[in-house]
């Protein structure tokens, strides 16, 4: 889903935590793992988008916070020196799957390489570049109240992506 609320801009604060990246980087430039913290942390959503569930492991990134976004059910991760973002490290994605997820996330997400806690190493992550709500995103609330409708939207997005990418 290409997200539309906010302007795409670079944030200087990323320099403390990551190496800023743009979507569409070459495969040799990618980190092996993808750190996800929102809707992509749910195997049901990955199955819909990718047609499979790749390797998943709990992970966290210090210096980041997962915030609710205005008017949507998915979150954005923003730099926060005192924060810690809990999520999942996805491993074993193909280049085609990386491209699909880049298209799914869209603007105003950028990408960054983050250092994960507990010796998990470096991983690529989608970081939010637009406005946020003044509260953290609640994955349990999403799973209970919003995931079914979001999954339907993901199915429709995947069908449209398949049609466009097969041309």
C-alpha atoms as a PDB file:
ATOM      1  CA  UNK A   1       0.000   0.000   0.000  1.00  0.00           C
ATOM      2  CA  UNK A   2       1.504   3.239  -0.985  1.00  0.00           C
ATOM      3  CA  UNK A   3       1.055   5.466   2.017  1.00  0.00           C
ATOM      4  CA  UNK A   4       0.022   9.023   1.317  1.00  0.00           C
ATOM      5  CA  UNK A   5      -0.057  11.108   4.486  1.00  0.00           C
ATOM      6  CA  UNK A   6       3.133  13.186   4.667  1.00  0.00           C
ATOM      7  CA  UNK A   7       5.975  14.482   2.565  1.00  0.00           C
ATOM      8  CA  UNK A   8       8.992  12.302   1.734  1.00  0.00           C
ATOM      9  CA  UNK A   9      12.000  13.962   3.340  1.00  0.00           C
ATOM     10  CA  UNK A  10      15.337  12.957   4.810  1.00  0.00           C
ATOM     11  CA  UNK A  11      15.921  13.276   8.565  1.00  0.00           C
ATOM     12  CA  UNK A  12      19.378  14.157   9.831  1.00  0.00           C
ATOM     13  CA  UNK A  13      18.811  12.157  13.029  1.00  0.00           C
ATOM     14  CA  UNK A  14      19.228   8.845  11.131  1.00  0.00           C
ATOM     15  CA  UNK A  15      22.979   9.396  11.017  1.00  0.00           C
ATOM     16  CA  UNK A  16      23.184   8.431  14.688  1.00  0.00           C
ATOM     17  CA  UNK A  17      21.483   5.089  14.220  1.00  0.00           C
ATOM     18  CA  UNK A  18      21.621   4.013  10.628  1.00  0.00           C
ATOM     19  CA  UNK A  19      22.773   4.481   7.101  1.00  0.00           C
ATOM     20  CA  UNK A  20      19.904   6.107   5.176  1.00  0.00           C
ATOM     21  CA  UNK A  21      18.831   4.201   2.069  1.00  0.00           C
ATOM     22  CA  UNK A  22      16.335   4.820  -0.722  1.00  0.00           C
ATOM     23  CA  UNK A  23      13.974   2.146  -2.054  1.00  0.00           C
ATOM     24  CA  UNK A  24      15.220   0.223  -5.064  1.00  0.00           C
ATOM     25  CA  UNK A  25      18.771  -0.450  -3.952  1.00  0.00           C
ATOM     26  CA  UNK A  26      20.739  -3.202  -5.664  1.00  0.00           C
ATOM     27  CA  UNK A  27      20.731  -6.679  -4.156  1.00  0.00           C
ATOM     28  CA  UNK A  28      24.424  -6.537  -3.231  1.00  0.00           C
ATOM     29  CA  UNK A  29      23.630  -3.398  -1.224  1.00  0.00           C
ATOM     30  CA  UNK A  30      20.927  -5.116   0.866  1.00  0.00           C
ATOM     31  CA  UNK A  31      21.345  -6.461   4.342  1.00  0.00           C
ATOM     32  CA  UNK A  32      20.309 -10.102   4.651  1.00  0.00           C
ATOM     33  CA  UNK A  33      17.580  -9.429   7.206  1.00  0.00           C
ATOM     34  CA  UNK A  34      14.613  -7.076   7.258  1.00  0.00           C
ATOM     35  CA  UNK A  35      13.519  -5.709  10.630  1.00  0.00           C
ATOM     36  CA  UNK A  36       9.743  -5.226  10.749  1.00  0.00           C
ATOM     37  CA  UNK A  37       7.731  -3.758  13.612  1.00  0.00           C
ATOM     38  CA  UNK A  38       4.171  -3.251  12.344  1.00  0.00           C
ATOM     39  CA  UNK A  39       1.774  -5.116  10.099  1.00  0.00           C
ATOM     40  CA  UNK A  40       4.594  -7.107   8.460  1.00  0.00           C
ATOM     41  CA  UNK A  41       5.408  -8.706  11.821  1.00  0.00           C
ATOM     42  CA  UNK A  42       2.284 -10.861  11.441  1.00  0.00           C
ATOM     43  CA  UNK A  43       2.795 -14.169   9.564  1.00  0.00           C
ATOM     44  CA  UNK A  44      -0.751 -13.934   8.170  1.00  0.00           C
ATOM     45  CA  UNK A  45       0.100 -10.677   6.379  1.00  0.00           C
ATOM     46  CA  UNK A  46       3.415 -12.037   5.062  1.00  0.00           C
ATOM     47  CA  UNK A  47       1.636 -15.123   3.711  1.00  0.00           C
ATOM     48  CA  UNK A  48      -0.835 -12.918   1.816  1.00  0.00           C
ATOM     49  CA  UNK A  49       1.864 -10.666   0.370  1.00  0.00           C
ATOM     50  CA  UNK A  50       4.659 -13.165  -0.298  1.00  0.00           C
ATOM     51  CA  UNK A  51       2.762 -16.426  -0.664  1.00  0.00           C
ATOM     52  CA  UNK A  52       4.924 -17.873   2.112  1.00  0.00           C
ATOM     53  CA  UNK A  53       6.228 -17.078   5.571  1.00  0.00           C
ATOM     54  CA  UNK A  54      10.019 -16.632   5.569  1.00  0.00           C
ATOM     55  CA  UNK A  55      12.247 -17.105   8.627  1.00  0.00           C
ATOM     56  CA  UNK A  56      11.112 -14.976  11.593  1.00  0.00           C
ATOM     57  CA  UNK A  57      12.896 -14.196  14.870  1.00  0.00           C
ATOM     58  CA  UNK A  58      12.095 -11.684  17.638  1.00  0.00           C
ATOM     59  CA  UNK A  59      14.284  -8.570  17.485  1.00  0.00           C
ATOM     60  CA  UNK A  60      14.483  -5.016  18.775  1.00  0.00           C
ATOM     61  CA  UNK A  61      16.204  -1.787  17.816  1.00  0.00           C
ATOM     62  CA  UNK A  62      17.314   0.734  20.440  1.00  0.00           C
ATOM     63  CA  UNK A  63      16.920   4.411  19.533  1.00  0.00           C
ATOM     64  CA  UNK A  64      13.630   3.920  17.669  1.00  0.00           C
ATOM     65  CA  UNK A  65       9.929   4.047  18.545  1.00  0.00           C
ATOM     66  CA  UNK A  66       6.917   2.528  16.751  1.00  0.00           C
ATOM     67  CA  UNK A  67       4.257   5.230  16.530  1.00  0.00           C
ATOM     68  CA  UNK A  68       0.608   5.244  15.539  1.00  0.00           C
ATOM     69  CA  UNK A  69      -0.045   7.239  12.380  1.00  0.00           C
ATOM     70  CA  UNK A  70      -2.902   9.653  11.733  1.00  0.00           C
ATOM     71  CA  UNK A  71      -5.936   8.098  10.084  1.00  0.00           C
ATOM     72  CA  UNK A  72      -4.493   4.630   9.332  1.00  0.00           C
ATOM     73  CA  UNK A  73      -4.170   1.283  11.139  1.00  0.00           C
ATOM     74  CA  UNK A  74      -0.479   0.641  10.339  1.00  0.00           C
ATOM     75  CA  UNK A  75       2.455   2.264  12.212  1.00  0.00           C
ATOM     76  CA  UNK A  76       5.681   4.047  11.410  1.00  0.00           C
ATOM     77  CA  UNK A  77       9.038   3.735  13.128  1.00  0.00           C
ATOM     78  CA  UNK A  78      10.753   6.997  14.023  1.00  0.00           C
ATOM     79  CA  UNK A  79      14.045   7.851  15.696  1.00  0.00           C
ATOM     80  CA  UNK A  80      13.771   8.329  19.470  1.00  0.00           C
ATOM     81  CA  UNK A  81      16.995   8.350  21.522  1.00  0.00           C
ATOM     82  CA  UNK A  82      15.242   6.842  24.569  1.00  0.00           C
ATOM     83  CA  UNK A  83      13.056   4.396  22.670  1.00  0.00           C
ATOM     84  CA  UNK A  84      13.219   0.753  21.775  1.00  0.00           C
ATOM     85  CA  UNK A  85      11.285  -0.714  18.876  1.00  0.00           C
ATOM     86  CA  UNK A  86      10.232  -4.338  19.283  1.00  0.00           C
ATOM     87  CA  UNK A  87       9.631  -6.360  16.171  1.00  0.00           C
ATOM     88  CA  UNK A  88      10.646  -9.301  14.056  1.00  0.00           C
ATOM     89  CA  UNK A  89      13.739 -10.025  11.979  1.00  0.00           C
ATOM     90  CA  UNK A  90      12.742 -11.577   8.650  1.00  0.00           C
ATOM     91  CA  UNK A  91      15.449 -13.648   6.967  1.00  0.00           C
ATOM     92  CA  UNK A  92      15.709 -15.376   3.629  1.00  0.00           C
ATOM     93  CA  UNK A  93      13.845 -12.860   1.462  1.00  0.00           C
ATOM     94  CA  UNK A  94      14.539 -13.011  -2.258  1.00  0.00           C
ATOM     95  CA  UNK A  95      15.305  -9.890  -4.314  1.00  0.00           C
ATOM     96  CA  UNK A  96      11.797 -10.128  -5.816  1.00  0.00           C
ATOM     97  CA  UNK A  97      10.282 -10.242  -2.307  1.00  0.00           C
ATOM     98  CA  UNK A  98      12.348  -7.212  -1.256  1.00  0.00           C
ATOM     99  CA  UNK A  99      11.050  -5.324  -4.319  1.00  0.00           C
ATOM    100  CA  UNK A 100       7.462  -6.352  -3.522  1.00  0.00           C
ATOM    101  CA  UNK A 101       7.757  -5.168   0.090  1.00  0.00           C
ATOM    102  CA  UNK A 102       9.389  -1.901  -1.039  1.00  0.00           C
ATOM    103  CA  UNK A 103       6.403  -1.313  -3.336  1.00  0.00           C
ATOM    104  CA  UNK A 104       3.957  -2.273  -0.573  1.00  0.00           C
ATOM    105  CA  UNK A 105       5.480   0.154   1.914  1.00  0.00           C
ATOM    106  CA  UNK A 106       5.906   3.034  -0.551  1.00  0.00           C
ATOM    107  CA  UNK A 107       6.217   6.692   0.488  1.00  0.00           C
ATOM    108  CA  UNK A 108       6.662   8.290   2.963  1.00  0.00           C
ATOM    109  CA  UNK A 109       8.686   5.330   4.204  1.00  0.00           C
ATOM    110  CA  UNK A 110      12.413   5.374   3.646  1.00  0.00           C
ATOM    111  CA  UNK A 111      14.838   2.586   4.423  1.00  0.00           C
ATOM    112  CA  UNK A 112      17.671   2.489   6.916  1.00  0.00           C
ATOM    113  CA  UNK A 113      20.175  -0.068   8.148  1.00  0.00           C
ATOM    114  CA  UNK A 114      19.796  -0.538  11.891  1.00  0.00           C
ATOM    115  CA  UNK A 115      21.884  -2.227  14.547  1.00  0.00           C
ATOM    116  CA  UNK A 116      19.683  -4.728  16.384  1.00  0.00           C
ATOM    117  CA  UNK A 117      19.918  -5.565  20.071  1.00  0.00           C
ATOM    118  CA  UNK A 118      21.350  -8.771  21.495  1.00  0.00           C
ATOM    119  CA  UNK A 119      23.964  -9.388  18.840  1.00  0.00           C
ATOM    120  CA  UNK A 120      21.406  -9.829  16.068  1.00  0.00           C
ATOM    121  CA  UNK A 121      23.591  -7.671  13.806  1.00  0.00           C
ATOM    122  CA  UNK A 122      22.477  -5.234  11.146  1.00  0.00           C
ATOM    123  CA  UNK A 123      19.176  -5.282   9.325  1.00  0.00           C
ATOM    124  CA  UNK A 124      17.367  -3.130   6.835  1.00  0.00           C
ATOM    125  CA  UNK A 125      14.150  -1.462   8.081  1.00  0.00           C
ATOM    126  CA  UNK A 126      11.424   0.831   6.802  1.00  0.00           C
ATOM    127  CA  UNK A 127      11.437   4.133   8.688  1.00  0.00           C
ATOM    128  CA  UNK A 128       8.602   6.640   8.682  1.00  0.00           C
ATOM    129  CA  UNK A 129       9.277  10.087   7.245  1.00  0.00           C
ATOM    130  CA  UNK A 130       5.870  11.681   7.843  1.00  0.00           C
ATOM    131  CA  UNK A 131       3.823  12.938  10.813  1.00  0.00           C
ATOM    132  CA  UNK A 132       2.861  10.598  13.659  1.00  0.00           C
ATOM    133  CA  UNK A 133       0.338  10.450  16.472  1.00  0.00           C
ATOM    134  CA  UNK A 134       1.622  11.239  19.993  1.00  0.00           C
ATOM    135  CA  UNK A 135       1.186   7.588  21.047  1.00  0.00           C
ATOM    136  CA  UNK A 136       2.792   4.242  20.346  1.00  0.00           C
ATOM    137  CA  UNK A 137       1.167   1.739  17.993  1.00  0.00           C
ATOM    138  CA  UNK A 138      -0.474  -1.272  19.692  1.00  0.00           C
ATOM    139  CA  UNK A 139       0.076  -4.556  17.805  1.00  0.00           C
ATOM    140  CA  UNK A 140      -2.354  -6.457  20.060  1.00  0.00           C
ATOM    141  CA  UNK A 141      -5.126  -3.967  19.282  1.00  0.00           C
ATOM    142  CA  UNK A 142      -4.330  -4.223  15.565  1.00  0.00           C
ATOM    143  CA  UNK A 143      -4.428  -8.042  15.673  1.00  0.00           C
ATOM    144  CA  UNK A 144      -7.753  -8.140  17.500  1.00  0.00           C
ATOM    145  CA  UNK A 145      -9.631  -5.279  15.861  1.00  0.00           C
ATOM    146  CA  UNK A 146      -8.074  -4.320  12.539  1.00  0.00           C
ATOM    147  CA  UNK A 147      -6.101  -7.183  11.028  1.00  0.00           C
ATOM    148  CA  UNK A 148      -8.998  -8.909   9.241  1.00  0.00           C
ATOM    149  CA  UNK A 149      -9.938  -5.816   7.223  1.00  0.00           C
ATOM    150  CA  UNK A 150      -6.261  -4.970   6.653  1.00  0.00           C
ATOM    151  CA  UNK A 151      -5.657  -8.519   5.375  1.00  0.00           C
ATOM    152  CA  UNK A 152      -8.482  -8.047   2.841  1.00  0.00           C
ATOM    153  CA  UNK A 153      -6.826  -4.809   1.675  1.00  0.00           C
ATOM    154  CA  UNK A 154      -3.500  -6.672   1.366  1.00  0.00           C
ATOM    155  CA  UNK A 155      -5.129  -9.364  -0.789  1.00  0.00           C
ATOM    156  CA  UNK A 156      -6.489  -6.692  -3.136  1.00  0.00           C
ATOM    157  CA  UNK A 157      -3.103  -4.924  -3.232  1.00  0.00           C
ATOM    158  CA  UNK A 158      -1.324  -8.218  -3.996  1.00  0.00           C
ATOM    159  CA  UNK A 159      -3.692  -8.984  -6.898  1.00  0.00           C
ATOM    160  CA  UNK A 160      -3.098  -5.510  -8.364  1.00  0.00           C
ATOM    161  CA  UNK A 161       0.687  -5.825  -7.889  1.00  0.00           C
ATOM    162  CA  UNK A 162       0.678  -9.221  -9.600  1.00  0.00           C
ATOM    163  CA  UNK A 163      -1.183  -7.762 -12.597  1.00  0.00           C
ATOM    164  CA  UNK A 164       1.147  -4.760 -12.890  1.00  0.00           C
ATOM    165  CA  UNK A 165       4.361  -6.754 -12.431  1.00  0.00           C
ATOM    166  CA  UNK A 166       3.358  -9.384 -15.007  1.00  0.00           C
ATOM    167  CA  UNK A 167       3.103  -6.775 -17.811  1.00  0.00           C
END
